[in-house]
Amino acid sequence: MDEITRRRFFGRAGTYALGGVAGSLLPGLVPGYARAQRTRAATAPRQDWLAQASEAALEPDLPIIDPHHHLWDRPGNRYLLEELLEDTREHNVRQTVFVECTSMYRADGPEELRVVGETEFVRGVAAKSASGQYGETRVATGIVGSADLLLGDRVVPVLEAQLAASPRRFRGIRHRAAWAEPPVVARRPAGPEHLLLDADFRRGYAHLRTYGLSFEGWVYHTHITDLADLAGAFPDTTIIFNHLGGPIGIEPYADRRDEVFAAWKPAVAELAKHQNVVAKIGGIQMVVNGYGWHERDQPPTSDQLVEANHQWYDYMFEQFGPDRCMFESNFPVDKLSCSYTVLWNQFKKLTAGFSATERAAMFHDTAKRVYRLPQV
């Protein structure tokens, strides 16, 4: 039994006793696929359903930075400052980082600059939070926006406009590369299959270092090696690996979880060799991950999440180490499957065997360092 496994085994056993038993959510899947149709009918989380797995927050004083959430106001699916703060209130969430989600783009003006509307919108939400009138949590002290890096050198004015829109908070760019064949298809195409290898994309990507911006690497497990290639080609640009590389669990990978895990492991190991890559630990309760929590009569408990997910998390801890890991909520996308309190209870149980310093890194310090966040 290696050290990571040993600490995880004995630590989890103790906390089990302690704890008791985009658009929206992968925006739309291919018409005709049964699960996709059910997902479209349930794009907003069901509060009454989530309440069935009520848990008190474990270690409620443990400081947390949530480095990955979204904000939007969509028909029947509102998630703004008040909704986020209601979710976070039981855990000690000190700060958050907003990540782009095609929210509040400008309605007019040059097409490539419309994405700046999202940053302007989030800056306003952050200002409300910073007033102190909504509690101690400081929302969106870091902002990750969007820019079309396929513009190549022409992306420079977009990067400059994003920074100008929120100079104290803007930290990075996410250009989604989550490409997959049907039925794993988003409404908004993620670009060419091997986007991260594209020459135009890389010309645009090269400008991130000039402006001190990081890159959010959002791919499915089938393209993690492309992200590793990008990391090697640009070693001075920080990459934040999103959602464990999106292990797909729906068709054509339904009922093939062991096979996906076996393919995912060497790709993650290759990526982890690049010291300019840090990892977000979470974001695998989406429908695309195939657990089907949202279709069950009751939501999962934190113990059930640990049991379902621990092999993925354990391997990430082993490959990246605590100093390059940060837990994320991916809310409200993952809220379709579980509550915020349950999700973070899972993370606390997963790390019960780690030292206080290691846990501080994963819950708070890594995110603070990587996103250059203020002291709160």
Protein backbone atom coordinates (compact mmCIF):
# COMPACT_ATOMS: atom_id res chain seq x y z
CA MET A 1 0.00 0.00 0.00
CA ASP A 2 1.66 3.28 -1.09
CA GLU A 3 1.66 6.37 1.14
CA ILE A 4 -1.20 8.13 -0.66
CA THR A 5 -3.37 5.00 -0.54
CA ARG A 6 -2.50 4.33 3.09
CA ARG A 7 -3.37 7.83 4.25
CA ARG A 8 -6.53 7.85 2.20
CA PHE A 9 -7.69 4.46 3.51
CA PHE A 10 -7.21 5.16 7.20
CA GLY A 11 -8.22 8.81 6.99
CA ARG A 12 -11.45 8.05 5.14
CA ALA A 13 -12.37 5.31 7.58
CA GLY A 14 -12.25 7.85 10.39
CA THR A 15 -14.36 10.46 8.66
CA TYR A 16 -16.96 7.96 7.58
CA ALA A 17 -17.67 7.47 11.25
CA LEU A 18 -17.63 11.24 11.76
CA GLY A 19 -19.89 12.14 8.89
CA GLY A 20 -22.54 9.47 8.78
CA VAL A 21 -23.67 7.42 6.16
CA ALA A 22 -22.19 25.15 -19.01
CA GLY A 23 -25.10 27.06 -20.79
CA SER A 24 -26.26 24.74 -18.20
CA LEU A 25 -24.72 21.45 -17.50
CA LEU A 26 -22.87 20.20 -20.55
CA PRO A 27 -25.17 22.46 -22.53
CA GLY A 28 -27.57 20.13 -24.23
CA LEU A 29 -26.73 16.80 -25.79
CA VAL A 30 -27.66 15.31 -29.17
CA PRO A 31 -31.44 15.08 -29.84
CA GLY A 32 -32.72 11.54 -29.71
CA TYR A 33 -30.41 10.35 -27.00
CA ALA A 34 -32.65 9.45 -24.07
CA ARG A 35 -30.48 10.75 -21.27
CA ALA A 36 -29.91 13.99 -23.14
CA GLN A 37 -33.65 14.56 -23.36
CA ARG A 38 -34.05 13.99 -19.62
CA THR A 39 -31.16 16.33 -18.92
CA ARG A 40 -32.73 19.13 -20.96
CA ALA A 41 -35.89 18.74 -18.92
CA ALA A 42 -33.89 19.22 -15.72
CA THR A 43 -31.33 21.89 -16.50
CA ALA A 44 -32.00 23.69 -13.21
CA PRO A 45 -31.16 22.01 -9.89
CA ARG A 46 -34.11 20.74 -7.86
CA GLN A 47 -33.86 22.17 -4.37
CA ASP A 48 -36.49 19.86 -2.87
CA TRP A 49 -34.66 16.83 -4.25
CA LEU A 50 -31.25 18.03 -3.00
CA ALA A 51 -32.70 18.61 0.47
CA GLN A 52 -33.26 14.87 0.87
CA ALA A 53 -29.51 14.41 1.46
CA SER A 54 -29.14 17.06 4.13
CA GLU A 55 -25.81 17.04 5.97
CA ALA A 56 -24.14 19.39 8.40
CA ALA A 57 -20.86 20.80 7.13
CA LEU A 58 -17.84 18.92 8.43
CA GLU A 59 -15.00 21.07 9.82
CA PRO A 60 -17.00 24.25 9.18
CA ASP A 61 -14.07 26.51 10.10
CA LEU A 62 -11.66 25.12 7.49
CA PRO A 63 -10.83 28.02 5.11
CA ILE A 64 -11.83 27.38 1.50
CA ILE A 65 -11.28 29.15 -1.79
CA ASP A 66 -13.64 27.86 -4.46
CA PRO A 67 -11.68 28.40 -7.68
CA HIS A 68 -14.35 27.37 -10.16
CA HIS A 69 -17.98 28.44 -10.30
CA HIS A 70 -20.28 30.18 -12.75
CA LEU A 71 -22.88 32.95 -12.61
CA TRP A 72 -25.81 33.32 -14.97
CA ASP A 73 -29.41 34.45 -15.30
CA ARG A 74 -31.20 32.10 -17.65
CA PRO A 75 -34.90 31.28 -17.98
CA GLY A 76 -35.79 28.97 -15.11
CA ASN A 77 -32.16 28.73 -14.03
CA ARG A 78 -30.91 31.77 -12.13
CA TYR A 79 -27.54 31.57 -10.38
CA LEU A 80 -26.29 34.93 -9.21
CA LEU A 81 -24.69 36.27 -6.03
CA GLU A 82 -27.57 35.41 -3.71
CA GLU A 83 -27.88 31.83 -4.96
CA LEU A 84 -24.14 31.23 -4.69
CA LEU A 85 -23.97 32.61 -1.16
CA GLU A 86 -26.91 30.47 -0.10
CA ASP A 87 -25.01 27.40 -1.31
CA THR A 88 -21.69 28.31 0.30
CA ARG A 89 -22.98 29.44 3.70
CA GLU A 90 -22.35 26.23 5.67
CA HIS A 91 -18.68 25.95 4.71
CA ASN A 92 -16.06 28.62 5.38
CA VAL A 93 -15.69 29.84 1.79
CA ARG A 94 -13.44 32.88 1.98
CA GLN A 95 -13.09 33.72 -1.73
CA THR A 96 -14.17 32.44 -5.12
CA VAL A 97 -12.97 32.51 -8.71
CA PHE A 98 -15.50 32.96 -11.51
CA VAL A 99 -14.92 30.95 -14.70
CA GLU A 100 -16.45 31.88 -18.05
CA CYS A 101 -19.79 30.35 -19.02
CA THR A 102 -20.99 32.48 -22.01
CA SER A 103 -22.92 34.68 -19.60
CA MET A 104 -24.02 38.26 -20.34
CA TYR A 105 -22.07 38.77 -23.56
CA ARG A 106 -22.53 42.17 -25.18
CA ALA A 107 -25.44 42.25 -27.62
CA ASP A 108 -23.59 44.34 -30.19
CA GLY A 109 -20.19 45.62 -31.19
CA PRO A 110 -17.32 43.66 -32.77
CA GLU A 111 -18.02 39.94 -32.50
CA GLU A 112 -14.68 39.06 -30.94
CA LEU A 113 -15.15 41.69 -28.19
CA ARG A 114 -18.64 40.66 -27.10
CA VAL A 115 -17.13 38.23 -24.57
CA VAL A 116 -15.95 41.25 -22.56
CA GLY A 117 -19.54 41.79 -21.45
CA GLU A 118 -19.21 38.75 -19.23
CA THR A 119 -16.23 40.22 -17.39
CA GLU A 120 -18.04 43.55 -16.97
CA PHE A 121 -21.04 41.71 -15.52
CA VAL A 122 -18.96 39.67 -13.06
CA ARG A 123 -16.98 42.76 -12.00
CA GLY A 124 -20.30 44.24 -10.87
CA VAL A 125 -21.19 41.11 -8.89
CA ALA A 126 -17.74 41.16 -7.30
CA ALA A 127 -18.20 44.79 -6.30
CA LYS A 128 -21.49 43.94 -4.57
CA SER A 129 -19.76 41.17 -2.67
CA ALA A 130 -16.80 43.39 -1.76
CA SER A 131 -19.17 45.87 -0.11
CA GLY A 132 -19.51 43.49 2.82
CA GLN A 133 -23.30 43.84 2.81
CA TYR A 134 -23.72 40.22 1.68
CA GLY A 135 -21.50 38.52 4.24
CA GLU A 136 -17.82 37.70 4.60
CA THR A 137 -17.36 35.58 1.46
CA ARG A 138 -15.67 37.57 -1.29
CA VAL A 139 -17.05 36.40 -4.62
CA ALA A 140 -15.04 36.60 -7.85
CA THR A 141 -11.83 38.00 -6.42
CA GLY A 142 -10.47 36.27 -9.51
CA ILE A 143 -12.11 36.23 -12.95
CA VAL A 144 -11.39 33.84 -15.82
CA GLY A 145 -12.91 35.05 -19.06
CA SER A 146 -13.08 33.98 -22.66
CA ALA A 147 -11.22 34.92 -25.82
CA ASP A 148 -11.07 33.22 -29.19
CA LEU A 149 -7.43 32.20 -29.36
CA LEU A 150 -7.99 30.96 -32.92
CA LEU A 151 -7.78 34.64 -33.84
CA GLY A 152 -4.02 34.26 -33.52
CA ASP A 153 -2.27 37.62 -33.21
CA ARG A 154 -5.63 39.36 -33.65
CA VAL A 155 -6.62 38.20 -30.15
CA VAL A 156 -4.39 40.86 -28.54
CA PRO A 157 -7.09 43.61 -28.47
CA VAL A 158 -9.48 41.11 -26.86
CA LEU A 159 -7.00 40.24 -24.11
CA GLU A 160 -6.34 43.93 -23.50
CA ALA A 161 -10.07 44.69 -23.35
CA GLN A 162 -10.63 41.88 -20.86
CA LEU A 163 -7.86 43.16 -18.62
CA ALA A 164 -9.15 46.72 -18.90
CA ALA A 165 -12.64 45.57 -17.89
CA SER A 166 -11.36 44.28 -14.55
CA PRO A 167 -7.65 44.99 -14.06
CA ARG A 168 -7.59 43.98 -10.39
CA ARG A 169 -9.39 40.67 -10.88
CA PHE A 170 -8.86 39.31 -14.38
CA ARG A 171 -6.51 36.34 -14.24
CA GLY A 172 -6.90 34.03 -17.21
CA ILE A 173 -8.61 32.69 -20.31
CA ARG A 174 -10.65 29.59 -20.94
CA HIS A 175 -11.04 28.61 -24.58
CA ARG A 176 -12.94 25.34 -24.36
CA ALA A 177 -11.37 22.35 -26.04
CA ALA A 178 -13.90 19.78 -24.80
CA TRP A 179 -14.42 18.09 -28.16
CA ALA A 180 -16.08 14.70 -28.52
CA GLU A 181 -18.03 12.77 -31.10
CA PRO A 182 -21.84 12.38 -30.82
CA PRO A 183 -23.66 11.96 -28.55
CA VAL A 184 -21.19 13.89 -26.36
CA VAL A 185 -21.70 17.19 -28.18
CA ALA A 186 -22.25 20.68 -26.79
CA ARG A 187 -24.62 23.17 -28.39
CA ARG A 188 -21.69 25.52 -28.89
CA PRO A 189 -18.97 23.64 -30.80
CA ALA A 190 -15.62 23.49 -29.05
CA GLY A 191 -13.75 24.08 -32.30
CA PRO A 192 -11.70 21.57 -34.27
CA GLU A 193 -11.02 18.19 -32.69
CA HIS A 194 -7.37 18.93 -31.93
CA LEU A 195 -7.86 22.61 -31.13
CA LEU A 196 -4.88 22.76 -28.78
CA LEU A 197 -2.54 21.64 -31.57
CA ASP A 198 -3.86 24.16 -34.09
CA ALA A 199 -1.25 26.66 -35.34
CA ASP A 200 -3.61 29.67 -35.23
CA PHE A 201 -4.71 28.75 -31.71
CA ARG A 202 -1.10 28.55 -30.58
CA ARG A 203 -0.30 31.94 -32.06
CA GLY A 204 -3.08 33.37 -29.94
CA TYR A 205 -2.08 31.30 -26.92
CA ALA A 206 1.48 32.64 -27.07
CA HIS A 207 0.19 36.08 -26.05
CA LEU A 208 -1.11 34.86 -22.68
CA ARG A 209 2.38 34.91 -21.19
CA THR A 210 2.90 38.51 -22.30
CA TYR A 211 -0.12 39.61 -20.26
CA GLY A 212 0.53 37.32 -17.29
CA LEU A 213 -2.60 35.27 -17.97
CA SER A 214 -3.14 31.60 -17.20
CA PHE A 215 -5.05 29.12 -19.34
CA GLU A 216 -7.90 26.88 -18.20
CA GLY A 217 -7.51 23.48 -19.87
CA TRP A 218 -11.00 22.03 -20.32
CA VAL A 219 -10.82 18.80 -22.34
CA TYR A 220 -12.41 15.36 -22.18
CA HIS A 221 -10.27 12.37 -21.26
CA THR A 222 -9.76 11.55 -24.93
CA HIS A 223 -7.69 14.71 -25.48
CA ILE A 224 -5.62 15.12 -22.31
CA THR A 225 -2.50 14.30 -24.32
CA ASP A 226 -3.15 17.38 -26.49
CA LEU A 227 -3.10 19.50 -23.34
CA ALA A 228 0.19 17.88 -22.29
CA ASP A 229 1.66 18.77 -25.68
CA LEU A 230 0.54 22.38 -25.22
CA ALA A 231 2.07 22.51 -21.75
CA GLY A 232 5.39 21.29 -23.11
CA ALA A 233 5.39 23.77 -25.98
CA PHE A 234 4.74 26.76 -23.67
CA PRO A 235 6.42 25.94 -20.35
CA ASP A 236 6.19 29.53 -19.08
CA THR A 237 2.39 29.69 -19.25
CA THR A 238 0.42 28.26 -16.33
CA ILE A 239 -2.29 25.76 -17.27
CA ILE A 240 -5.10 24.92 -14.86
CA PHE A 241 -6.38 21.43 -15.66
CA ASN A 242 -10.19 21.50 -15.36
CA HIS A 243 -12.50 18.78 -14.08
CA LEU A 244 -9.93 15.94 -13.99
CA GLY A 245 -9.90 15.90 -17.76
CA GLY A 246 -13.59 15.14 -18.12
CA PRO A 247 -13.82 11.33 -17.95
CA ILE A 248 -16.83 10.56 -20.14
CA GLY A 249 -19.36 8.12 -18.72
CA ILE A 250 -22.26 8.33 -21.17
CA GLU A 251 -22.52 6.78 -24.62
CA PRO A 252 -20.32 5.67 -26.25
CA TYR A 253 -18.51 5.15 -22.91
CA ALA A 254 -21.48 4.11 -20.76
CA ASP A 255 -20.71 1.02 -18.64
CA ARG A 256 -17.02 1.28 -19.61
CA ARG A 257 -15.75 3.16 -16.55
CA ASP A 258 -12.86 0.76 -15.89
CA GLU A 259 -11.76 1.09 -19.50
CA VAL A 260 -11.97 4.88 -19.36
CA PHE A 261 -10.02 4.92 -16.09
CA ALA A 262 -7.29 2.75 -17.59
CA ALA A 263 -6.94 5.11 -20.57
CA TRP A 264 -7.17 8.24 -18.41
CA LYS A 265 -4.36 7.33 -15.99
CA PRO A 266 -1.36 7.40 -18.36
CA ALA A 267 -2.65 10.59 -20.00
CA VAL A 268 -2.87 12.30 -16.60
CA ALA A 269 0.58 11.01 -15.65
CA GLU A 270 2.03 12.51 -18.83
CA LEU A 271 0.33 15.85 -18.17
CA ALA A 272 1.51 15.93 -14.55
CA LYS A 273 5.15 15.78 -15.67
CA HIS A 274 4.81 19.41 -16.76
CA GLN A 275 5.42 21.63 -13.74
CA ASN A 276 3.49 24.52 -15.31
CA VAL A 277 0.25 22.53 -14.90
CA VAL A 278 -1.89 22.62 -11.76
CA ALA A 279 -5.11 20.68 -11.31
CA LYS A 280 -8.64 21.45 -10.23
CA ILE A 281 -10.06 18.51 -8.30
CA GLY A 282 -13.79 18.23 -8.91
CA GLY A 283 -16.25 18.87 -11.69
CA ILE A 284 -17.04 15.19 -12.30
CA GLN A 285 -20.65 15.20 -11.12
CA MET A 286 -21.83 16.44 -14.51
CA VAL A 287 -24.22 14.33 -16.57
CA VAL A 288 -21.43 13.66 -19.08
CA ASN A 289 -19.53 11.78 -16.37
CA GLY A 290 -22.26 9.17 -16.37
CA TYR A 291 -23.10 8.63 -12.70
CA GLY A 292 -26.73 9.48 -13.28
CA TRP A 293 -27.24 10.96 -9.81
CA HIS A 294 -29.89 13.34 -11.15
CA GLU A 295 -32.04 10.39 -12.27
CA ARG A 296 -32.20 8.73 -8.85
CA ASP A 297 -34.97 9.06 -6.30
CA GLN A 298 -32.57 10.61 -3.80
CA PRO A 299 -29.36 12.62 -4.21
CA PRO A 300 -26.06 11.12 -3.11
CA THR A 301 -24.58 11.54 0.34
CA SER A 302 -20.96 12.58 0.75
CA ASP A 303 -20.07 8.97 1.57
CA GLN A 304 -21.62 7.81 -1.69
CA LEU A 305 -19.67 10.44 -3.61
CA VAL A 306 -16.44 9.32 -1.97
CA GLU A 307 -17.13 5.71 -2.85
CA ALA A 308 -17.94 6.56 -6.47
CA ASN A 309 -15.11 9.02 -7.07
CA HIS A 310 -12.14 8.21 -4.85
CA GLN A 311 -10.07 6.32 -7.44
CA TRP A 312 -9.98 9.41 -9.69
CA TYR A 313 -9.09 11.76 -6.85
CA ASP A 314 -6.49 9.43 -5.35
CA TYR A 315 -4.64 9.25 -8.64
CA MET A 316 -4.70 13.03 -9.03
CA PHE A 317 -3.24 13.48 -5.54
CA GLU A 318 -0.54 10.95 -6.36
CA GLN A 319 0.43 12.52 -9.68
CA PHE A 320 0.16 16.24 -8.89
CA GLY A 321 0.69 16.38 -5.14
CA PRO A 322 -1.21 18.72 -2.80
CA ASP A 323 0.75 21.84 -3.82
CA ARG A 324 -0.56 21.51 -7.39
CA CYS A 325 -4.15 20.56 -6.51
CA MET A 326 -7.15 22.74 -5.66
CA PHE A 327 -10.69 21.55 -4.99
CA GLU A 328 -13.45 23.10 -7.11
CA SER A 329 -17.25 23.10 -6.97
CA ASN A 330 -18.13 23.67 -10.63
CA PHE A 331 -21.44 25.04 -9.38
CA PRO A 332 -24.17 25.32 -10.41
CA VAL A 333 -23.38 22.70 -13.07
CA ASP A 334 -22.60 19.95 -10.55
CA LYS A 335 -25.54 21.09 -8.43
CA LEU A 336 -27.78 19.02 -10.67
CA SER A 337 -26.25 16.01 -8.88
CA CYS A 338 -25.55 17.08 -5.29
CA SER A 339 -25.63 19.98 -2.85
CA TYR A 340 -22.68 22.26 -2.14
CA THR A 341 -22.48 21.09 1.47
CA VAL A 342 -22.40 17.42 0.47
CA LEU A 343 -19.82 18.05 -2.26
CA TRP A 344 -17.34 19.76 0.06
CA ASN A 345 -17.97 17.21 2.82
CA GLN A 346 -16.80 14.66 0.26
CA PHE A 347 -13.57 16.61 -0.30
CA LYS A 348 -12.96 16.84 3.44
CA LYS A 349 -13.45 13.11 3.88
CA LEU A 350 -11.19 12.34 0.94
CA THR A 351 -8.31 14.25 2.57
CA ALA A 352 -8.75 13.24 6.21
CA GLY A 353 -5.45 11.33 6.10
CA PHE A 354 -3.40 14.27 4.85
CA SER A 355 -1.47 16.73 6.98
CA ALA A 356 -2.87 20.13 7.90
CA THR A 357 -0.41 21.80 5.51
CA GLU A 358 -1.37 19.51 2.63
CA ARG A 359 -5.07 20.08 3.22
CA ALA A 360 -4.58 23.85 3.45
CA ALA A 361 -2.95 23.72 0.02
CA MET A 362 -5.79 21.81 -1.61
CA PHE A 363 -8.61 23.77 0.01
CA HIS A 364 -7.13 27.26 -0.08
CA ASP A 365 -3.45 27.97 -0.62
CA THR A 366 -2.90 26.53 -4.12
CA ALA A 367 -5.82 28.54 -5.50
CA LYS A 368 -4.64 31.69 -3.76
CA ARG A 369 -1.14 31.32 -5.19
CA VAL A 370 -2.07 30.31 -8.72
CA TYR A 371 -4.73 33.00 -9.18
CA ARG A 372 -2.75 35.64 -7.24
CA LEU A 373 -5.70 36.37 -4.96
CA PRO A 374 -5.73 38.93 -2.15
CA GLN A 375 -5.53 38.09 1.53
CA VAL A 376 -9.07 37.80 2.91
